Every structure is written in C-alpha cells, then in structure tokens.
Amino acid sequence: MSDVLRAGSATSPGAGEIFQILRDGQARTKAELAALTGLARSTVALRIDALLASGLLQAAGEAVSTGGRPPARVAFNARAGVVLAVDLGATHATVAVADLAGVILESRTRAVDIADGPERLLDEILAGGSALLQENTAQGLPLLGVGIGVPGPVEHSSGRPTNPPIMPGWDRFDVPGYVQRTFDVPVLVDNDVNILALGEHATTWPHIDDLVFVKVSTGIGAGIIAGGALQRGAQGSAGDMGHVQVPRSAASNREREDERDLEALASGSALARSLREAGLDAKGPGDVIDLVRAGDPVAIEATRQAGRDVGEVLATVVNLLNPSIIVLGGSIARAGEHLLAGVREVVYRRSIPLATQHLSIVQSQAGDRAAVLGAAIMVAHEVLSPARVDRHLAARPR
C-alpha cells in the first residue's frame, strides 16, 4: 500500500469523517471544521495534523484574521496519489490515470477484441497502465487503486463477471486477483453502464440525486443513481433492463406471441438484424448508425421504434423510481434524435403525471471519457472512504 497513507503519526478515530468534508476541494480552518463537526478544537487539530502528515491534506494559505494571527487553512490534496481507470468494451479499451479528485491526467484508447479472453487483454491493459504511470503528469505519484468497467454483469462484491453474453472466457474470472499480481492495491470491477452513470452524474448532473443512465448499443443496460448514490442491488445486477420483456401496446405491430426482451428488440445488434431482413446492408450496429445519419427512412423508423420499445420499459422504471433525469447514451443514442424521440413519446404518455412533472429525458453530454471518469470516481470513493482512511492512519508507525 502507498506510503502516502502510511507516513506520519498516529491519529484518533474519526479523521476519515473530517476528511470527507474536505473532499469538496474547499479550504477550511481547523476552527471551521470544529464548528461543522461539533468536536473540540484540540480533537480536530490532532486529526488534521495526522491527515496533513499523511499527505491527504495540504496547507492552503491563511484565512482573514479577526484579530491576532491569521488562522491557517487546509485543503484536500488531490495529487496525494493517483488511480488507474479502465473502460473495457467489446471492441475498445481505454486506460487512464486520474488524480484523487477524478481529473484525468493521461489516457490511451486502443482497439481490442473482448473475445481474446481475460489474461491476454488484462496483460495488455496492465502494460498500458504501467506506461501511463511513468508519464510526466503521473510520474512519482503513488498508485492507490484500480477501477475497471466491463461490458457484462459483474458480481460487485467479488469483481467477477457473471455469465457475460459477449465476453467468452470471462465468466467468474477473478479480475481483481489477476490485476493485483501487478498492482498491489484495491481493485474494483463493475458493469460499464454503472461507471457511465457515475461519470455522467459527476460531469453533467452533480446536483441531481436521482438519475437513470440508459446505454443503447450492442446491448442495453441502465445505471441507477438514487439518493445521490449508485444502486447496484443485492448482487450487482440492478439496472439490467435489457432482459425485461417489452410490454406489447395496442399500436404495436408485433405478433401477440412475440415475447422477446428489450435487448432482442431494440439493441444495435437487433436493429441491424431487422434492417438486413428489410433488405439493407447492415452487418452490425455501426452500419445502423451510418444508415440513420445518411437519412435512410427505414433505418430512421426502426431506430424510432427501438426508442418506443425502450420507452415501454422505462415508463415502468419512471413509475417505480421517479428519477429527475433519464440520460440516453451508447452508440445508437448518438446516431441522432430518433431514439430519444421514441423514448419520450412513450414515457411521457405511459408514466404517471406526478413522476413526469419535472422529468427530463436527454442525450448524454459527458462524451467519450465518461466511462473512465466513472471508473476513477468509483475507486477513489473506495480508497478514500472514512473507514479506509481511518485504518490507514491508525496503522502508521507512532
């Protein structure tokens, strides 16, 4: 584990909670922290001194004097260490180094094939991560954790992908254990939609407590933020809306016996299949996007219908969770407004008025870095949690 979390003197319990107050980046005096926490100034001083010695806090100048010597201020030191963030998709891998505030310092993206299997791909990713850690902006800063997003279901407690449909050879593979052979730090693994939700929330909607991020690409999934926190469910499968059977509306042209789930109807792969059946050259989701952007009317209508199908499932989500924002991301959502229009058409009609009174349904604004940013945020929250900070400070030599 990093020396930045070892060096210094011992501390009394509770320094981790004070540290959380300062993670917003605002500099404060010890007196201000005592007022915020209700602790004695001497207790706050002891805990702040330990955090300063650890490197997690740094001096931040002086506050305005009210008489006598100006009080010193302290602030979060986002460069006390770095985290490695990985966005692993079916055909790409982005590796980034971020500081402890989630600012991306360096990143690299390359084409991959998820079917190459975990050992080969992780070896490539770890080699790329090691190289990034030697870049000028990150060189010499200790690595505190690794966060990885993968395109499939993950048992969050163990970090193992579980029956991932597009990840052959990855089922139950011990990703954290394999990564820790190279980097002896905490390793967190999650579904890619969850880290996208974290990244979108942090960059675009930081003051919104209830948000649902829906990715429509090769597959379909959702990341749920409720009460300001990512919701993973009991085992980590929350948000798997792609496997929900789509309700059949009166206006639907589907057969009554058609019981396909959402992914089989509205994903990029499903759209490509339906367009091929209509006589168009659409081998995969990329061809669907090209046809939509070229203005092909059959592709546009198919994409809008996919939006309606997504909306049929999201209407139930809206009634159950009452989010403030639904964000649509993924390659199909980026092809234009047609998917978004179909979703809005159904959600606003089928959800209860109170749930949609202030509901916004928008396209993703976070861009290509949302996933690695979300992975960085995920692991930073873990390694800088109150309990972990307290454990590290308590373990330091007296």
Protein backbone atom coordinates (compact mmCIF):
# COMPACT_ATOMS: atom_id res chain seq x y z
CA MET A 1 0.00 0.00 0.00
CA SER A 2 1.13 3.54 -0.72
CA ASP A 3 3.46 5.40 1.64
CA VAL A 4 1.17 8.42 1.36
CA LEU A 5 -1.31 6.55 3.54
CA ARG A 6 1.35 5.25 5.93
CA ALA A 7 3.68 8.07 6.82
CA GLY A 8 3.21 10.30 9.85
CA SER A 9 1.95 9.97 13.39
CA ALA A 10 -1.00 8.11 14.83
CA THR A 11 -4.45 9.59 14.93
CA SER A 12 -7.58 9.14 16.94
CA PRO A 13 -10.58 7.52 15.22
CA GLY A 14 -12.72 9.76 13.08
CA ALA A 15 -10.15 11.50 10.88
CA GLY A 16 -11.73 9.83 7.87
CA GLU A 17 -15.05 11.58 8.50
CA ILE A 18 -13.40 15.01 8.73
CA PHE A 19 -11.51 14.21 5.55
CA GLN A 20 -14.80 13.65 3.70
CA ILE A 21 -15.82 17.24 4.42
CA LEU A 22 -12.66 18.50 2.73
CA ARG A 23 -13.00 16.33 -0.36
CA ASP A 24 -15.17 19.04 -1.95
CA GLY A 25 -11.96 20.99 -2.56
CA GLN A 26 -12.89 23.95 -0.36
CA ALA A 27 -10.15 25.11 2.01
CA ARG A 28 -11.15 25.45 5.67
CA THR A 29 -9.60 26.35 9.01
CA LYS A 30 -9.49 23.99 11.97
CA ALA A 31 -11.97 26.28 13.74
CA GLU A 32 -14.41 25.99 10.85
CA LEU A 33 -14.09 22.20 10.91
CA ALA A 34 -14.67 22.16 14.66
CA ALA A 35 -17.86 24.17 14.13
CA LEU A 36 -19.02 21.85 11.35
CA THR A 37 -18.38 18.65 13.30
CA GLY A 38 -19.13 19.78 16.86
CA LEU A 39 -15.78 18.35 18.01
CA ALA A 40 -13.36 20.12 20.31
CA ARG A 41 -10.74 22.20 18.51
CA SER A 42 -7.97 20.13 20.10
CA THR A 43 -9.51 16.92 18.73
CA VAL A 44 -9.90 18.42 15.26
CA ALA A 45 -6.32 19.71 15.36
CA LEU A 46 -4.99 16.23 16.16
CA ARG A 47 -6.88 14.65 13.29
CA ILE A 48 -6.00 17.37 10.80
CA ASP A 49 -2.32 17.14 11.74
CA ALA A 50 -2.38 13.40 11.03
CA LEU A 51 -4.06 13.93 7.67
CA LEU A 52 -1.51 16.62 6.80
CA ALA A 53 1.33 14.27 7.71
CA SER A 54 -0.18 11.57 5.51
CA GLY A 55 -0.24 13.89 2.52
CA LEU A 56 -4.01 13.61 2.01
CA LEU A 57 -4.39 17.23 3.12
CA GLN A 58 -2.15 20.19 2.36
CA ALA A 59 -1.72 23.72 3.64
CA ALA A 60 -3.88 26.20 1.73
CA GLY A 61 -2.81 29.62 2.92
CA GLU A 62 -4.34 31.74 5.64
CA ALA A 63 -7.87 32.88 6.32
CA VAL A 64 -8.76 36.51 7.06
CA SER A 65 -7.75 37.44 10.58
CA THR A 66 -10.40 38.55 13.04
CA GLY A 67 -7.71 39.73 15.42
CA GLY A 68 -4.32 38.24 16.11
CA ARG A 69 -2.51 35.77 13.89
CA PRO A 70 -4.47 34.71 10.75
CA PRO A 71 -5.64 31.09 11.04
CA ALA A 72 -4.17 28.55 8.64
CA ARG A 73 -6.42 26.76 6.17
CA VAL A 74 -6.14 23.18 4.91
CA ALA A 75 -7.49 21.54 1.75
CA PHE A 76 -7.73 18.18 0.04
CA ASN A 77 -4.54 17.25 -1.80
CA ALA A 78 -5.85 15.61 -4.96
CA ARG A 79 -2.28 14.81 -6.01
CA ALA A 80 -1.57 12.71 -2.91
CA GLY A 81 -1.84 9.74 -5.24
CA VAL A 82 -3.46 8.53 -8.44
CA VAL A 83 -5.88 5.84 -9.55
CA LEU A 84 -5.86 3.75 -12.71
CA ALA A 85 -9.20 3.72 -14.56
CA VAL A 86 -10.13 1.26 -17.30
CA ASP A 87 -13.10 1.26 -19.69
CA LEU A 88 -13.15 -2.13 -21.41
CA GLY A 89 -15.67 -2.51 -24.21
CA ALA A 90 -16.37 -5.19 -26.77
CA THR A 91 -14.03 -3.58 -29.30
CA HIS A 92 -12.07 -0.94 -27.38
CA ALA A 93 -10.08 -0.42 -24.20
CA THR A 94 -9.41 2.99 -22.67
CA VAL A 95 -6.85 3.20 -19.87
CA ALA A 96 -6.46 6.43 -17.90
CA VAL A 97 -4.60 7.79 -14.91
CA ALA A 98 -6.63 10.17 -12.73
CA ASP A 99 -5.89 12.13 -9.61
CA LEU A 100 -7.90 11.59 -6.44
CA ALA A 101 -10.46 14.23 -7.46
CA GLY A 102 -11.20 12.33 -10.67
CA VAL A 103 -9.28 14.62 -13.03
CA ILE A 104 -7.93 12.59 -15.96
CA LEU A 105 -4.18 13.19 -16.26
CA GLU A 106 -3.33 10.81 -19.10
CA SER A 107 -5.33 8.34 -21.20
CA ARG A 108 -4.90 5.97 -24.12
CA THR A 109 -7.52 4.15 -26.23
CA ARG A 110 -6.88 1.18 -28.50
CA ALA A 111 -8.92 -1.33 -30.45
CA VAL A 112 -9.33 -4.75 -28.83
CA ASP A 113 -11.45 -7.86 -29.16
CA ILE A 114 -13.15 -8.86 -25.90
CA ALA A 115 -13.20 -12.45 -27.19
CA ASP A 116 -9.41 -12.60 -26.83
CA GLY A 117 -10.05 -13.56 -23.21
CA PRO A 118 -9.15 -12.10 -19.82
CA GLU A 119 -5.44 -12.96 -19.50
CA ARG A 120 -4.37 -11.57 -22.85
CA LEU A 121 -6.47 -8.40 -22.61
CA LEU A 122 -5.64 -7.68 -18.98
CA ASP A 123 -1.93 -8.13 -19.69
CA GLU A 124 -2.21 -5.52 -22.46
CA ILE A 125 -4.20 -3.17 -20.23
CA LEU A 126 -1.78 -3.51 -17.31
CA ALA A 127 1.19 -2.87 -19.59
CA GLY A 128 -0.53 0.24 -20.89
CA GLY A 129 -1.36 1.35 -17.37
CA SER A 130 2.24 0.90 -16.25
CA ALA A 131 3.39 3.06 -19.15
CA LEU A 132 0.89 5.79 -18.29
CA LEU A 133 2.08 5.84 -14.69
CA GLN A 134 5.51 6.80 -15.98
CA GLU A 135 4.19 9.83 -17.90
CA ASN A 136 5.30 13.23 -16.61
CA THR A 137 1.97 14.17 -15.03
CA ALA A 138 1.76 10.94 -13.02
CA GLN A 139 5.40 10.01 -12.51
CA GLY A 140 6.32 9.59 -8.87
CA LEU A 141 2.75 9.71 -7.59
CA PRO A 142 1.70 6.56 -5.73
CA LEU A 143 -1.00 4.34 -7.20
CA LEU A 144 -3.83 3.90 -4.69
CA GLY A 145 -6.35 1.79 -6.61
CA VAL A 146 -7.63 0.44 -9.91
CA GLY A 147 -11.20 0.71 -11.26
CA ILE A 148 -12.41 -1.32 -14.25
CA GLY A 149 -15.65 -1.26 -16.21
CA VAL A 150 -16.55 -4.30 -18.33
CA PRO A 151 -19.39 -4.90 -20.85
CA GLY A 152 -21.28 -7.51 -18.86
CA PRO A 153 -22.87 -8.36 -15.49
CA VAL A 154 -20.48 -8.24 -12.54
CA GLU A 155 -20.85 -9.63 -9.02
CA HIS A 156 -19.69 -6.41 -7.39
CA SER A 157 -18.59 -7.96 -4.11
CA SER A 158 -16.04 -10.19 -5.85
CA GLY A 159 -15.41 -8.25 -9.05
CA ARG A 160 -16.06 -11.36 -11.15
CA PRO A 161 -18.04 -11.13 -14.43
CA THR A 162 -21.03 -13.46 -14.24
CA ASN A 163 -22.38 -15.13 -17.40
CA PRO A 164 -21.42 -12.15 -19.61
CA PRO A 165 -23.03 -12.78 -23.01
CA ILE A 166 -20.42 -11.01 -25.14
CA MET A 167 -17.34 -11.88 -23.05
CA PRO A 168 -16.35 -15.50 -23.85
CA GLY A 169 -13.90 -16.91 -21.34
CA TRP A 170 -14.58 -14.24 -18.71
CA ASP A 171 -17.28 -15.99 -16.67
CA ARG A 172 -16.30 -15.97 -12.96
CA PHE A 173 -12.75 -14.91 -13.84
CA ASP A 174 -11.03 -13.31 -10.84
CA VAL A 175 -10.27 -9.94 -12.41
CA PRO A 176 -9.20 -8.21 -9.14
CA GLY A 177 -6.90 -11.08 -8.20
CA TYR A 178 -5.27 -11.09 -11.62
CA VAL A 179 -4.73 -7.31 -11.61
CA GLN A 180 -3.29 -7.41 -8.09
CA ARG A 181 -0.44 -9.60 -9.32
CA THR A 182 0.83 -6.44 -10.99
CA PHE A 183 -0.57 -3.68 -8.78
CA ASP A 184 -0.91 -4.47 -5.07
CA VAL A 185 -3.77 -2.03 -4.47
CA PRO A 186 -7.57 -2.27 -4.14
CA VAL A 187 -9.18 -3.27 -7.46
CA LEU A 188 -12.89 -2.62 -8.15
CA VAL A 189 -14.77 -4.02 -11.17
CA ASP A 190 -18.25 -3.02 -12.30
CA ASN A 191 -20.59 -3.13 -15.26
CA ASP A 192 -19.79 -0.50 -17.88
CA VAL A 193 -23.22 1.15 -17.60
CA ASN A 194 -22.73 1.75 -13.89
CA ILE A 195 -19.45 3.56 -14.43
CA LEU A 196 -21.03 5.54 -17.28
CA ALA A 197 -23.76 6.63 -14.87
CA LEU A 198 -21.14 7.74 -12.36
CA GLY A 199 -19.23 9.69 -14.99
CA GLU A 200 -22.32 11.35 -16.45
CA HIS A 201 -23.58 12.27 -12.98
CA ALA A 202 -20.26 13.80 -11.94
CA THR A 203 -19.68 15.83 -15.11
CA THR A 204 -23.16 16.96 -16.10
CA TRP A 205 -25.64 16.46 -13.26
CA PRO A 206 -23.69 16.70 -9.95
CA HIS A 207 -26.60 18.33 -8.11
CA ILE A 208 -29.20 15.75 -9.23
CA ASP A 209 -29.79 12.96 -6.71
CA ASP A 210 -31.97 10.70 -8.87
CA LEU A 211 -30.79 9.80 -12.35
CA VAL A 212 -31.06 6.81 -14.69
CA PHE A 213 -28.44 6.35 -17.41
CA VAL A 214 -29.52 4.06 -20.26
CA LYS A 215 -26.95 2.71 -22.71
CA VAL A 216 -28.30 1.54 -26.06
CA SER A 217 -25.52 -0.04 -28.07
CA THR A 218 -24.62 -3.64 -28.86
CA GLY A 219 -26.67 -4.41 -25.75
CA ILE A 220 -28.95 -2.40 -23.45
CA GLY A 221 -28.49 -1.65 -19.77
CA ALA A 222 -29.10 1.02 -17.16
CA GLY A 223 -27.15 2.60 -14.32
CA ILE A 224 -29.31 3.84 -11.46
CA ILE A 225 -28.36 6.70 -9.14
CA ALA A 226 -30.91 7.15 -6.35
CA GLY A 227 -30.49 9.41 -3.36
CA GLY A 228 -27.16 10.53 -4.82
CA ALA A 229 -25.65 7.02 -4.73
CA LEU A 230 -25.18 4.33 -7.36
CA GLN A 231 -27.59 1.45 -6.75
CA ARG A 232 -26.21 -1.99 -7.59
CA GLY A 233 -28.78 -4.20 -5.88
CA ALA A 234 -28.05 -7.28 -3.78
CA GLN A 235 -25.57 -8.96 -6.14
CA GLY A 236 -24.78 -6.17 -8.60
CA SER A 237 -27.38 -6.84 -11.29
CA ALA A 238 -29.58 -3.77 -10.75
CA GLY A 239 -30.34 -1.97 -13.99
CA ASP A 240 -30.38 -5.00 -16.30
CA MET A 241 -33.34 -3.66 -18.24
CA GLY A 242 -32.19 -5.31 -21.47
CA HIS A 243 -33.63 -8.61 -20.28
CA VAL A 244 -37.05 -7.19 -19.39
CA GLN A 245 -39.84 -8.41 -21.64
CA VAL A 246 -41.27 -5.45 -23.53
CA PRO A 247 -44.98 -4.82 -22.91
CA ARG A 248 -47.00 -5.03 -26.11
CA SER A 249 -49.05 -1.90 -26.75
CA ALA A 250 -52.24 -1.67 -28.82
CA ALA A 251 -50.31 0.25 -31.51
CA SER A 252 -47.56 -2.36 -31.74
CA ASN A 253 -47.05 -4.26 -34.98
CA ARG A 254 -45.59 -7.24 -33.10
CA GLU A 255 -47.37 -10.56 -33.04
CA ARG A 256 -49.22 -11.38 -29.82
CA GLU A 257 -46.98 -14.38 -29.18
CA ASP A 258 -43.83 -12.23 -29.55
CA GLU A 259 -42.23 -12.35 -26.09
CA ARG A 260 -38.78 -11.01 -26.92
CA ASP A 261 -36.95 -8.96 -24.31
CA LEU A 262 -35.82 -5.37 -24.84
CA GLU A 263 -32.31 -6.24 -25.99
CA ALA A 264 -33.68 -8.61 -28.63
CA LEU A 265 -35.93 -5.83 -29.97
CA ALA A 266 -34.07 -2.56 -29.61
CA SER A 267 -30.31 -3.07 -29.27
CA GLY A 268 -27.90 -2.16 -32.05
CA SER A 269 -27.50 -5.83 -32.91
CA ALA A 270 -31.28 -6.32 -33.08
CA LEU A 271 -31.68 -3.24 -35.27
CA ALA A 272 -29.01 -4.49 -37.66
CA ARG A 273 -30.80 -7.82 -37.94
CA SER A 274 -34.17 -6.21 -38.66
CA LEU A 275 -32.63 -3.93 -41.29
CA ARG A 276 -30.99 -6.89 -43.01
CA GLU A 277 -34.40 -8.56 -43.11
CA ALA A 278 -35.68 -5.40 -44.80
CA GLY A 279 -33.02 -5.76 -47.48
CA LEU A 280 -30.49 -3.20 -46.22
CA ASP A 281 -26.76 -3.79 -45.82
CA ALA A 282 -26.42 -3.69 -42.02
CA LYS A 283 -23.93 -6.16 -40.61
CA GLY A 284 -23.77 -4.58 -37.15
CA PRO A 285 -24.61 -1.52 -35.01
CA GLY A 286 -22.08 0.63 -36.85
CA ASP A 287 -23.95 0.13 -40.12
CA VAL A 288 -27.22 1.08 -38.40
CA ILE A 289 -25.65 4.35 -37.27
CA ASP A 290 -24.32 5.08 -40.76
CA LEU A 291 -27.74 4.46 -42.32
CA VAL A 292 -29.51 6.68 -39.79
CA ARG A 293 -27.02 9.52 -40.28
CA ALA A 294 -27.39 9.14 -44.06
CA GLY A 295 -31.13 9.74 -43.67
CA ASP A 296 -32.34 6.27 -44.66
CA PRO A 297 -36.08 6.30 -43.83
CA VAL A 298 -36.27 2.58 -42.97
CA ALA A 299 -33.34 2.85 -40.55
CA ILE A 300 -34.74 6.03 -39.01
CA GLU A 301 -38.16 4.48 -38.39
CA ALA A 302 -36.58 1.31 -36.98
CA THR A 303 -34.50 3.41 -34.59
CA ARG A 304 -37.50 5.44 -33.51
CA GLN A 305 -39.44 2.22 -32.89
CA ALA A 306 -36.48 0.97 -30.82
CA GLY A 307 -36.88 4.16 -28.79
CA ARG A 308 -40.57 3.38 -28.27
CA ASP A 309 -39.66 -0.13 -27.07
CA VAL A 310 -37.07 1.30 -24.68
CA GLY A 311 -39.73 3.77 -23.53
CA GLU A 312 -42.18 0.95 -22.74
CA VAL A 313 -39.70 -0.44 -20.21
CA LEU A 314 -38.56 2.97 -18.96
CA ALA A 315 -42.15 4.01 -18.20
CA THR A 316 -42.22 1.33 -15.52
CA VAL A 317 -38.80 2.46 -14.25
CA VAL A 318 -40.08 6.04 -14.01
CA ASN A 319 -43.15 4.99 -12.04
CA LEU A 320 -41.05 2.86 -9.67
CA LEU A 321 -38.03 5.14 -9.11
CA ASN A 322 -39.26 8.65 -10.01
CA PRO A 323 -35.92 9.94 -11.37
CA SER A 324 -35.35 13.60 -12.23
CA ILE A 325 -33.23 12.83 -15.29
CA ILE A 326 -33.07 9.98 -17.79
CA VAL A 327 -29.88 10.11 -19.84
CA LEU A 328 -29.61 8.14 -23.09
CA GLY A 329 -26.12 7.09 -24.15
CA GLY A 330 -24.42 4.48 -26.27
CA SER A 331 -23.76 4.36 -29.99
CA ILE A 332 -27.40 4.14 -31.11
CA ALA A 333 -28.39 7.13 -28.97
CA ARG A 334 -25.54 9.14 -30.52
CA ALA A 335 -26.80 8.47 -34.06
CA GLY A 336 -29.34 11.29 -33.81
CA GLU A 337 -32.55 12.38 -32.08
CA HIS A 338 -34.67 9.48 -33.35
CA LEU A 339 -34.13 7.09 -30.42
CA LEU A 340 -34.66 9.93 -27.96
CA ALA A 341 -37.89 10.96 -29.69
CA GLY A 342 -39.28 7.44 -29.48
CA VAL A 343 -38.43 7.17 -25.77
CA ARG A 344 -40.06 10.50 -24.95
CA GLU A 345 -43.15 9.62 -26.95
CA VAL A 346 -43.90 6.59 -24.77
CA VAL A 347 -42.53 7.58 -21.36
CA TYR A 348 -44.48 10.83 -21.12
CA ARG A 349 -47.65 9.04 -22.23
CA ARG A 350 -47.41 5.95 -20.04
CA SER A 351 -45.88 7.22 -16.79
CA ILE A 352 -47.97 8.82 -14.07
CA PRO A 353 -48.20 12.64 -14.25
CA LEU A 354 -46.53 13.23 -10.89
CA ALA A 355 -43.48 11.19 -11.96
CA THR A 356 -43.10 13.09 -15.25
CA GLN A 357 -43.98 16.55 -13.98
CA HIS A 358 -40.31 17.63 -13.84
CA LEU A 359 -38.71 14.70 -15.67
CA SER A 360 -36.12 15.46 -18.36
CA ILE A 361 -35.09 12.84 -20.95
CA VAL A 362 -31.83 13.90 -22.57
CA GLN A 363 -28.86 12.62 -24.53
CA SER A 364 -25.53 12.01 -22.83
CA GLN A 365 -23.29 15.06 -22.60
CA ALA A 366 -20.24 13.55 -20.88
CA GLY A 367 -18.54 12.31 -24.04
CA ASP A 368 -16.04 9.53 -24.55
CA ARG A 369 -14.33 10.00 -21.19
CA ALA A 370 -17.45 9.38 -19.10
CA ALA A 371 -16.64 5.71 -18.53
CA VAL A 372 -13.03 6.10 -17.39
CA LEU A 373 -14.05 9.07 -15.27
CA GLY A 374 -16.74 6.92 -13.66
CA ALA A 375 -14.22 4.13 -13.02
CA ALA A 376 -11.85 6.65 -11.42
CA ILE A 377 -14.63 8.04 -9.22
CA MET A 378 -15.67 4.53 -8.19
CA VAL A 379 -12.23 3.53 -6.96
CA ALA A 380 -11.46 6.94 -5.41
CA HIS A 381 -14.63 6.69 -3.30
CA GLU A 382 -13.44 3.32 -2.06
CA VAL A 383 -9.81 4.11 -1.25
CA LEU A 384 -10.74 7.45 0.34
CA SER A 385 -13.73 6.20 2.33
CA PRO A 386 -13.84 7.13 6.04
CA ALA A 387 -13.21 3.59 7.24
CA ARG A 388 -10.28 3.00 4.88
CA VAL A 389 -8.66 6.36 5.68
CA ASP A 390 -9.01 5.67 9.41
CA ARG A 391 -7.49 2.19 9.02
CA HIS A 392 -4.52 3.50 7.11
CA LEU A 393 -3.85 6.32 9.55
CA ALA A 394 -4.22 4.04 12.56
CA ALA A 395 -1.71 1.57 11.04
CA ARG A 396 1.04 4.15 10.62
CA PRO A 397 4.07 3.99 12.91
CA ARG A 398 3.78 6.07 16.04
